[in-house]
Amino acid sequence: MMPTNMEPGSFQNEYQTAAFWQRVLPVAGVAWGSVLVSALMAGCLSWTLALSGLLLALAGGIGIALMSPKTADHASLLAERLKALAAEEDPGALPSGETEPTLLISETLRNRMLQRKSENSQQETSAVAKLKDYRHSVTESFGLVTQLSQSIEQIATTANQQSERLGEISSVAEQMHSSFNQVSGFISQALDKNKTAIATTSQNRSAAAQSVELMLQIKHILNSYISLIKEMGGSSQEISKFVEIIKNIASQTNLLALNAAIEAARAGEHGRGFAVVADEVRKLAEQSSASAKDVTQIIINVVQQTQKALEISEENEATVAQVQNVADHSLEALAALETTMQSFSKQFYEFNELTERQVGGINTIKLGLQDLSSIAEEFAATTEEVGAASTELKEHLNRLSQLSRER
């Protein structure tokens, strides 16, 4: 604060005197040193920059205050102390003759330097421990990444093998699908042929049934014909009896005519007409006898033919019976064949349905295998990408490990 009794112009004269600068420079040095020490304690400046600033401030102050020998001595002593602090040497105890400003600055800087050195030592110890832990973590991470990389390579190899196996299985499934389709086609053709065979068998069974019916009718006709032939044989025998009677009558008539002729000859002229009648009767008897012989021969022939017809009819009856028996067996066999073919057709239908379901199932499996193959390929590609990333991470960790060893 400027004195009240100072004359005008005396303040300017005071600034121009040596005594003024001798009083101001120590105070300015202390103020500037306090500013630098505060900035240093706040962490705004490094030790080197702070000490350099103090040296520059003191050097400037010394250069201005050369007219004060005592101030210059204190400045030189303070500069030596600051150089010792900057070189991290122990400045030792300050002389008792130092002024209070220089003593304050030196003591403050000395205490701060010792505190900073202790803090730096602790920080370096902690940093070394952390660096060791970091190196250990990097080493363990490198080992884990190496194992992970090996596992990923094995997984990638397995994934590629699985993809190849899935491709082979998909190819086999495709072949099975094609084979089942062919089997289904064969079964469909067999079903069509079986339907045709069933229809033909049914027609044959109907024809056999008609044949059996015709055989029964023929057998009935033959039985009627045999009965008629037998009746004809009986009638022929009756006719033969009548012919024998006619022959006997003709023989008797012939004898009577002969006797009548004899009697007419005895009667002479009176018996001539009776002789003519007797002669006509004899001729008629002879004709009747000849006709009876012819009828007898015819009847014999008819009887013989009837007997042959009867024998043939009986043989035909036996043949018809055999044919009927065969037709019955054929009808039964055709019926059994039709039943078997219908059962076979039903089994074919069931097998065809089963084959179609198998085809559908194999198709589903094929699609699933294709999806699995795609997933396996994507997984293999992803595994390769992860393997590349793990390799890159391993290289990065290796570089970090080298850097940590260098430090």
Protein backbone atom coordinates (compact mmCIF):
# COMPACT_ATOMS: atom_id res chain seq x y z
CA MET A 1 0.00 0.00 0.00
CA MET A 2 1.47 3.35 -1.07
CA PRO A 3 2.26 5.78 1.92
CA THR A 4 -0.03 8.75 2.21
CA ASN A 5 2.79 11.21 2.94
CA MET A 6 4.63 10.38 -0.28
CA GLU A 7 5.09 13.30 -2.53
CA PRO A 8 3.96 13.25 -6.11
CA GLY A 9 6.54 11.54 -8.29
CA SER A 10 8.22 9.79 -5.33
CA PHE A 11 6.63 6.38 -6.25
CA GLN A 12 8.32 6.42 -9.64
CA ASN A 13 11.62 7.32 -7.99
CA GLU A 14 11.14 4.45 -5.52
CA TYR A 15 10.82 1.92 -8.43
CA GLN A 16 14.09 3.18 -9.88
CA THR A 17 16.17 2.65 -6.69
CA ALA A 18 18.16 -0.49 -5.85
CA ALA A 19 16.66 -0.69 -2.43
CA PHE A 20 13.22 -1.19 -3.98
CA TRP A 21 14.29 -4.14 -6.13
CA GLN A 22 16.21 -5.65 -3.20
CA ARG A 23 12.91 -5.76 -1.29
CA VAL A 24 10.68 -6.85 -4.21
CA LEU A 25 12.72 -9.62 -5.84
CA PRO A 26 12.81 -12.03 -2.86
CA VAL A 27 9.08 -11.59 -2.41
CA ALA A 28 8.47 -12.14 -6.16
CA GLY A 29 10.72 -15.20 -6.12
CA VAL A 30 8.87 -16.64 -3.16
CA ALA A 31 5.52 -15.95 -4.85
CA TRP A 32 6.57 -17.53 -8.14
CA GLY A 33 8.07 -20.50 -6.29
CA SER A 34 4.85 -20.93 -4.33
CA VAL A 35 2.85 -20.95 -7.57
CA LEU A 36 5.12 -23.59 -9.08
CA VAL A 37 5.06 -25.70 -5.91
CA SER A 38 1.24 -25.52 -5.80
CA ALA A 39 1.02 -26.54 -9.46
CA LEU A 40 3.44 -29.38 -8.80
CA MET A 41 1.47 -30.63 -5.80
CA ALA A 42 -1.74 -30.44 -7.85
CA GLY A 43 -0.11 -32.70 -10.46
CA CYS A 44 -0.22 -30.09 -13.19
CA LEU A 45 3.57 -30.01 -13.68
CA SER A 46 6.31 -32.59 -13.71
CA TRP A 47 9.28 -32.34 -11.43
CA THR A 48 11.67 -31.41 -14.21
CA LEU A 49 9.39 -28.69 -15.57
CA ALA A 50 8.79 -27.28 -12.08
CA LEU A 51 12.46 -27.19 -11.19
CA SER A 52 13.32 -25.71 -14.56
CA GLY A 53 10.73 -22.99 -14.00
CA LEU A 54 12.14 -22.24 -10.56
CA LEU A 55 15.67 -22.07 -11.93
CA LEU A 56 14.55 -19.74 -14.70
CA ALA A 57 12.68 -17.54 -12.22
CA LEU A 58 15.62 -17.40 -9.85
CA ALA A 59 18.04 -16.76 -12.67
CA GLY A 60 15.92 -13.91 -13.89
CA GLY A 61 15.62 -12.50 -10.40
CA ILE A 62 19.34 -12.82 -9.83
CA GLY A 63 20.07 -11.05 -13.08
CA ILE A 64 17.85 -8.13 -12.10
CA ALA A 65 19.01 -7.96 -8.49
CA LEU A 66 22.76 -8.00 -9.03
CA MET A 67 23.01 -4.85 -6.94
CA SER A 68 22.01 -6.97 -3.82
CA PRO A 69 24.91 -9.24 -2.80
CA LYS A 70 22.97 -10.94 -0.04
CA THR A 71 20.06 -11.72 -2.33
CA ALA A 72 22.46 -13.06 -4.93
CA ASP A 73 24.06 -15.37 -2.38
CA HIS A 74 20.67 -16.71 -1.36
CA ALA A 75 19.69 -17.18 -4.99
CA SER A 76 22.90 -19.10 -5.73
CA LEU A 77 22.37 -21.30 -2.73
CA LEU A 78 18.74 -21.93 -3.72
CA ALA A 79 19.78 -22.75 -7.28
CA GLU A 80 22.29 -25.32 -6.01
CA ARG A 81 19.60 -26.86 -3.81
CA LEU A 82 17.18 -27.04 -6.71
CA LYS A 83 19.82 -28.67 -8.94
CA ALA A 84 20.43 -31.26 -6.25
CA LEU A 85 16.70 -31.92 -5.99
CA ALA A 86 16.40 -32.15 -9.77
CA ALA A 87 19.24 -34.70 -9.75
CA GLU A 88 17.31 -36.63 -7.06
CA GLU A 89 20.13 -36.27 -4.56
CA ASP A 90 19.73 -35.66 -0.85
CA PRO A 91 20.07 -31.89 -0.40
CA GLY A 92 20.96 -32.30 3.27
CA ALA A 93 20.16 -29.89 6.05
CA LEU A 94 19.76 -26.23 5.16
CA PRO A 95 22.12 -23.75 6.86
CA SER A 96 20.68 -21.83 9.73
CA GLY A 97 21.71 -18.55 8.21
CA GLU A 98 19.30 -18.81 5.27
CA THR A 99 16.49 -16.35 5.02
CA GLU A 100 12.92 -17.46 5.60
CA PRO A 101 11.79 -17.37 1.90
CA THR A 102 14.60 -19.52 0.62
CA LEU A 103 14.29 -21.82 3.61
CA LEU A 104 10.55 -22.21 2.97
CA ILE A 105 11.00 -22.98 -0.71
CA SER A 106 13.89 -25.41 -0.16
CA GLU A 107 12.18 -27.22 2.68
CA THR A 108 8.89 -27.50 0.78
CA LEU A 109 10.59 -28.77 -2.34
CA ARG A 110 12.71 -31.19 -0.33
CA ASN A 111 9.72 -32.65 1.51
CA ARG A 112 7.69 -32.87 -1.71
CA MET A 113 10.58 -34.59 -3.50
CA LEU A 114 10.97 -37.14 -0.73
CA GLN A 115 7.20 -37.78 -0.69
CA ARG A 116 7.09 -38.08 -4.48
CA LYS A 117 10.11 -40.43 -4.44
CA SER A 118 8.35 -42.65 -1.87
CA GLU A 119 5.11 -42.59 -3.86
CA ASN A 120 6.98 -43.36 -7.07
CA SER A 121 8.77 -46.25 -5.36
CA GLN A 122 5.45 -47.66 -4.13
CA GLN A 123 3.86 -47.12 -7.56
CA GLU A 124 6.81 -48.82 -9.26
CA THR A 125 6.55 -51.77 -6.84
CA SER A 126 2.81 -52.01 -7.47
CA ALA A 127 3.34 -51.61 -11.22
CA VAL A 128 5.97 -54.39 -11.22
CA ALA A 129 3.60 -56.68 -9.32
CA LYS A 130 0.76 -55.81 -11.68
CA LEU A 131 3.07 -56.35 -14.64
CA LYS A 132 4.02 -59.79 -13.29
CA ASP A 133 0.34 -60.61 -12.80
CA TYR A 134 -0.35 -59.30 -16.27
CA ARG A 135 2.46 -61.42 -17.74
CA HIS A 136 1.13 -64.45 -15.84
CA SER A 137 -2.41 -63.74 -17.11
CA VAL A 138 -1.12 -63.26 -20.65
CA THR A 139 0.82 -66.55 -20.40
CA GLU A 140 -2.23 -68.40 -19.09
CA SER A 141 -4.44 -66.75 -21.73
CA PHE A 142 -1.92 -67.73 -24.39
CA GLY A 143 -2.02 -71.35 -23.17
CA LEU A 144 -5.82 -71.33 -23.05
CA VAL A 145 -6.04 -69.78 -26.51
CA THR A 146 -3.57 -72.40 -27.78
CA GLN A 147 -5.73 -75.18 -26.31
CA LEU A 148 -8.82 -73.45 -27.69
CA SER A 149 -7.18 -73.21 -31.11
CA GLN A 150 -6.28 -76.91 -31.01
CA SER A 151 -9.81 -77.79 -29.88
CA ILE A 152 -11.27 -75.62 -32.64
CA GLU A 153 -9.02 -77.34 -35.19
CA GLN A 154 -10.20 -80.72 -33.92
CA ILE A 155 -13.81 -79.49 -33.98
CA ALA A 156 -13.30 -78.16 -37.51
CA THR A 157 -11.81 -81.50 -38.60
CA THR A 158 -14.68 -83.37 -36.94
CA ALA A 159 -17.20 -80.97 -38.49
CA ASN A 160 -15.69 -81.51 -41.93
CA GLN A 161 -15.72 -85.28 -41.39
CA GLN A 162 -19.33 -85.10 -40.19
CA SER A 163 -20.21 -82.98 -43.21
CA GLU A 164 -18.62 -85.59 -45.48
CA ARG A 165 -20.42 -88.42 -43.61
CA LEU A 166 -23.70 -86.53 -43.84
CA GLY A 167 -23.08 -86.11 -47.56
CA GLU A 168 -22.48 -89.86 -47.90
CA ILE A 169 -25.57 -90.65 -45.80
CA SER A 170 -27.59 -88.20 -47.88
CA SER A 171 -26.36 -89.94 -51.04
CA VAL A 172 -27.33 -93.34 -49.57
CA ALA A 173 -30.72 -91.93 -48.57
CA GLU A 174 -31.14 -90.64 -52.12
CA GLN A 175 -30.32 -94.10 -53.48
CA MET A 176 -32.74 -95.70 -50.99
CA HIS A 177 -35.39 -93.17 -52.00
CA SER A 178 -34.84 -94.03 -55.67
CA SER A 179 -34.86 -97.78 -54.91
CA PHE A 180 -38.08 -97.52 -52.90
CA ASN A 181 -39.64 -95.54 -55.72
CA GLN A 182 -38.67 -98.32 -58.13
CA VAL A 183 -40.04 -100.93 -55.72
CA SER A 184 -43.24 -98.91 -55.43
CA GLY A 185 -43.45 -98.81 -59.22
CA PHE A 186 -42.90 -102.58 -59.44
CA ILE A 187 -45.56 -103.14 -56.79
CA SER A 188 -47.98 -100.93 -58.71
CA GLN A 189 -47.32 -102.95 -61.87
CA ALA A 190 -47.70 -106.19 -59.92
CA LEU A 191 -50.99 -104.91 -58.49
CA ASP A 192 -52.23 -104.10 -61.98
CA LYS A 193 -51.23 -107.56 -63.21
CA ASN A 194 -52.76 -109.11 -60.12
CA LYS A 195 -56.00 -107.27 -60.81
CA THR A 196 -55.95 -108.62 -64.37
CA ALA A 197 -55.18 -112.13 -63.08
CA ILE A 198 -58.02 -111.89 -60.55
CA ALA A 199 -60.39 -110.78 -63.29
CA THR A 200 -59.20 -113.64 -65.55
CA THR A 201 -59.50 -116.13 -62.68
CA SER A 202 -62.99 -114.89 -61.96
CA GLN A 203 -63.91 -115.32 -65.61
CA ASN A 204 -62.37 -118.81 -65.66
CA ARG A 205 -64.24 -119.68 -62.49
CA SER A 206 -67.47 -118.49 -64.10
CA ALA A 207 -66.67 -120.53 -67.23
CA ALA A 208 -65.84 -123.56 -65.08
CA ALA A 209 -69.11 -123.13 -63.23
CA GLN A 210 -70.91 -122.98 -66.57
CA SER A 211 -69.00 -126.10 -67.70
CA VAL A 212 -70.04 -127.90 -64.55
CA GLU A 213 -73.61 -126.85 -65.20
CA LEU A 214 -73.36 -128.11 -68.78
CA MET A 215 -71.85 -131.38 -67.55
CA LEU A 216 -74.76 -131.79 -65.22
CA GLN A 217 -77.16 -131.15 -68.06
CA ILE A 218 -75.28 -133.60 -70.34
CA LYS A 219 -75.29 -136.15 -67.55
CA HIS A 220 -79.01 -135.67 -67.14
CA ILE A 221 -79.53 -136.07 -70.90
CA LEU A 222 -77.34 -139.16 -70.97
CA ASN A 223 -79.26 -140.63 -68.10
CA SER A 224 -82.49 -139.98 -69.97
CA TYR A 225 -81.01 -141.43 -73.17
CA ILE A 226 -79.79 -144.51 -71.32
CA SER A 227 -83.22 -144.94 -69.81
CA LEU A 228 -84.79 -144.57 -73.25
CA ILE A 229 -82.36 -147.09 -74.74
CA LYS A 230 -83.14 -149.49 -71.98
CA GLU A 231 -86.83 -148.99 -72.64
CA MET A 232 -86.18 -149.54 -76.35
CA GLY A 233 -84.35 -152.74 -75.48
CA GLY A 234 -87.34 -153.88 -73.48
CA SER A 235 -89.70 -152.95 -76.33
CA SER A 236 -87.52 -154.86 -78.81
CA GLN A 237 -87.77 -157.92 -76.65
CA GLU A 238 -91.55 -157.49 -76.56
CA ILE A 239 -91.57 -157.06 -80.34
CA SER A 240 -89.48 -160.20 -80.69
CA LYS A 241 -92.08 -162.07 -78.69
CA PHE A 242 -94.82 -160.78 -80.98
CA VAL A 243 -92.73 -161.70 -84.00
CA GLU A 244 -92.34 -165.21 -82.63
CA ILE A 245 -96.08 -165.36 -82.22
CA ILE A 246 -96.53 -164.14 -85.80
CA LYS A 247 -94.03 -166.69 -86.98
CA ASN A 248 -95.91 -169.43 -85.15
CA ILE A 249 -99.18 -168.18 -86.60
CA ALA A 250 -97.67 -168.13 -90.07
CA SER A 251 -96.32 -171.63 -89.59
CA GLN A 252 -99.70 -172.88 -88.38
CA THR A 253 -101.42 -171.05 -91.21
CA ASN A 254 -99.07 -172.64 -93.68
CA LEU A 255 -99.89 -176.06 -92.26
CA LEU A 256 -103.60 -175.30 -92.38
CA ALA A 257 -103.27 -174.13 -95.98
CA LEU A 258 -101.41 -177.32 -96.85
CA ASN A 259 -104.12 -179.44 -95.22
CA ALA A 260 -106.78 -177.40 -96.99
CA ALA A 261 -105.13 -178.02 -100.33
CA ILE A 262 -104.98 -181.71 -99.62
CA GLU A 263 -108.65 -181.78 -98.73
CA ALA A 264 -109.51 -179.69 -101.82
CA ALA A 265 -107.67 -182.15 -104.01
CA ARG A 266 -109.65 -184.94 -102.53
CA ALA A 267 -112.89 -183.13 -103.20
CA GLY A 268 -112.10 -182.93 -106.86
CA GLU A 269 -114.16 -180.49 -108.87
CA HIS A 270 -116.05 -179.27 -105.85
CA GLY A 271 -112.99 -178.48 -103.91
CA ARG A 272 -111.25 -176.42 -106.67
CA GLY A 273 -112.31 -173.03 -105.23
CA PHE A 274 -111.35 -174.08 -101.78
CA ALA A 275 -107.97 -175.12 -103.17
CA VAL A 276 -107.46 -171.58 -104.59
CA VAL A 277 -108.26 -170.05 -101.20
CA ALA A 278 -106.00 -172.49 -99.48
CA ASP A 279 -103.20 -171.60 -101.89
CA GLU A 280 -103.63 -167.86 -101.21
CA VAL A 281 -103.65 -168.52 -97.50
CA ARG A 282 -100.46 -170.53 -97.88
CA LYS A 283 -98.80 -167.72 -99.83
CA LEU A 284 -99.93 -165.22 -97.21
CA ALA A 285 -98.57 -167.45 -94.50
CA GLU A 286 -95.28 -167.75 -96.32
CA GLN A 287 -95.10 -163.95 -96.76
CA SER A 288 -95.97 -163.46 -93.10
CA SER A 289 -93.30 -165.93 -92.12
CA ALA A 290 -90.75 -164.17 -94.34
CA SER A 291 -91.78 -160.77 -92.97
CA ALA A 292 -91.55 -162.09 -89.44
CA LYS A 293 -88.04 -163.28 -90.18
CA ASP A 294 -87.15 -159.85 -91.56
CA VAL A 295 -88.68 -158.15 -88.54
CA THR A 296 -86.83 -160.53 -86.29
CA GLN A 297 -83.58 -159.68 -88.00
CA ILE A 298 -84.34 -155.98 -87.75
CA ILE A 299 -85.22 -156.36 -84.10
CA ILE A 300 -82.00 -158.27 -83.54
CA ASN A 301 -80.07 -155.49 -85.23
CA VAL A 302 -81.95 -152.86 -83.21
CA VAL A 303 -81.29 -154.74 -80.02
CA GLN A 304 -77.62 -155.03 -80.88
CA GLN A 305 -77.37 -151.34 -81.75
CA THR A 306 -79.35 -150.45 -78.67
CA GLN A 307 -76.97 -152.50 -76.58
CA LYS A 308 -74.02 -150.76 -78.14
CA ALA A 309 -75.68 -147.39 -77.61
CA LEU A 310 -76.35 -148.36 -74.05
CA GLU A 311 -72.75 -149.33 -73.54
CA ILE A 312 -71.56 -146.10 -75.18
CA SER A 313 -74.01 -144.09 -73.11
CA GLU A 314 -72.81 -145.73 -69.96
CA GLU A 315 -69.22 -145.02 -70.95
CA ASN A 316 -70.19 -141.41 -71.73
CA GLU A 317 -71.93 -141.21 -68.40
CA ALA A 318 -68.73 -142.29 -66.66
CA THR A 319 -66.74 -139.79 -68.72
CA VAL A 320 -69.22 -137.05 -67.93
CA ALA A 321 -68.97 -137.96 -64.27
CA GLN A 322 -65.18 -137.72 -64.44
CA VAL A 323 -65.40 -134.44 -66.33
CA GLN A 324 -67.85 -133.16 -63.76
CA ASN A 325 -65.52 -134.24 -60.99
CA VAL A 326 -62.61 -132.49 -62.69
CA ALA A 327 -64.77 -129.43 -63.30
CA ASP A 328 -65.79 -129.41 -59.65
CA HIS A 329 -62.16 -129.62 -58.57
CA SER A 330 -61.24 -126.92 -61.11
CA LEU A 331 -64.03 -124.74 -59.82
CA GLU A 332 -62.84 -125.23 -56.26
CA ALA A 333 -59.23 -124.58 -57.31
CA LEU A 334 -60.23 -121.44 -59.20
CA ALA A 335 -62.23 -120.24 -56.21
CA ALA A 336 -59.27 -120.91 -53.90
CA LEU A 337 -56.93 -119.21 -56.41
CA GLU A 338 -59.21 -116.20 -56.60
CA THR A 339 -59.32 -116.01 -52.79
CA THR A 340 -55.53 -116.35 -52.61
CA MET A 341 -55.01 -113.70 -55.27
CA GLN A 342 -57.41 -111.37 -53.50
CA SER A 343 -55.50 -111.91 -50.26
CA PHE A 344 -52.25 -111.46 -52.15
CA SER A 345 -53.63 -108.27 -53.69
CA LYS A 346 -54.62 -107.02 -50.23
CA GLN A 347 -51.11 -107.73 -48.94
CA PHE A 348 -49.68 -105.98 -51.98
CA TYR A 349 -51.85 -102.97 -51.25
CA GLU A 350 -50.68 -102.93 -47.64
CA PHE A 351 -47.06 -103.37 -48.73
CA ASN A 352 -47.50 -100.61 -51.29
CA GLU A 353 -48.90 -98.28 -48.61
CA LEU A 354 -46.01 -99.24 -46.33
CA THR A 355 -43.56 -98.59 -49.16
CA GLU A 356 -45.14 -95.21 -49.85
CA ARG A 357 -44.86 -94.34 -46.17
CA GLN A 358 -41.25 -95.51 -46.24
CA VAL A 359 -40.66 -93.35 -49.30
CA GLY A 360 -42.21 -90.40 -47.47
CA GLY A 361 -40.12 -91.12 -44.38
CA ILE A 362 -36.92 -91.47 -46.42
CA ASN A 363 -37.77 -88.25 -48.25
CA THR A 364 -38.18 -86.51 -44.88
CA ILE A 365 -34.87 -88.04 -43.71
CA LYS A 366 -33.24 -86.92 -46.95
CA LEU A 367 -34.47 -83.35 -46.48
CA GLY A 368 -33.38 -83.47 -42.83
CA LEU A 369 -29.94 -84.75 -43.86
CA GLN A 370 -29.68 -81.98 -46.42
CA ASP A 371 -30.51 -79.45 -43.71
CA LEU A 372 -28.00 -81.11 -41.36
CA SER A 373 -25.39 -81.08 -44.14
CA SER A 374 -26.01 -77.37 -44.70
CA ILE A 375 -25.80 -76.73 -40.95
CA ALA A 376 -22.61 -78.82 -40.75
CA GLU A 377 -21.09 -76.86 -43.64
CA GLU A 378 -22.06 -73.58 -41.98
CA PHE A 379 -20.69 -74.88 -38.67
CA ALA A 380 -17.43 -75.90 -40.38
CA ALA A 381 -17.17 -72.47 -42.00
CA THR A 382 -17.93 -70.77 -38.66
CA THR A 383 -15.38 -73.02 -36.94
CA GLU A 384 -12.77 -72.04 -39.52
CA GLU A 385 -13.57 -68.37 -38.91
CA VAL A 386 -13.33 -68.91 -35.14
CA GLY A 387 -10.06 -70.78 -35.69
CA ALA A 388 -8.70 -67.87 -37.71
CA ALA A 389 -9.85 -65.46 -34.99
CA SER A 390 -8.25 -67.63 -32.27
CA THR A 391 -5.01 -67.75 -34.30
CA GLU A 392 -5.06 -63.99 -34.60
CA LEU A 393 -5.80 -63.69 -30.86
CA LYS A 394 -2.94 -66.09 -30.11
CA GLU A 395 -0.56 -63.98 -32.19
CA HIS A 396 -1.80 -60.85 -30.40
CA LEU A 397 -1.28 -62.47 -26.99
CA ASN A 398 2.15 -63.64 -28.13
CA ARG A 399 3.07 -60.06 -29.02
CA LEU A 400 1.71 -58.86 -25.66
CA SER A 401 3.76 -61.54 -23.91
CA GLN A 402 6.89 -60.42 -25.76
CA LEU A 403 6.19 -56.78 -24.90
CA SER A 404 5.65 -57.66 -21.23
CA ARG A 405 8.95 -59.59 -21.17
CA GLU A 406 10.74 -56.63 -22.77
CA ARG A 407 9.43 -54.37 -19.98
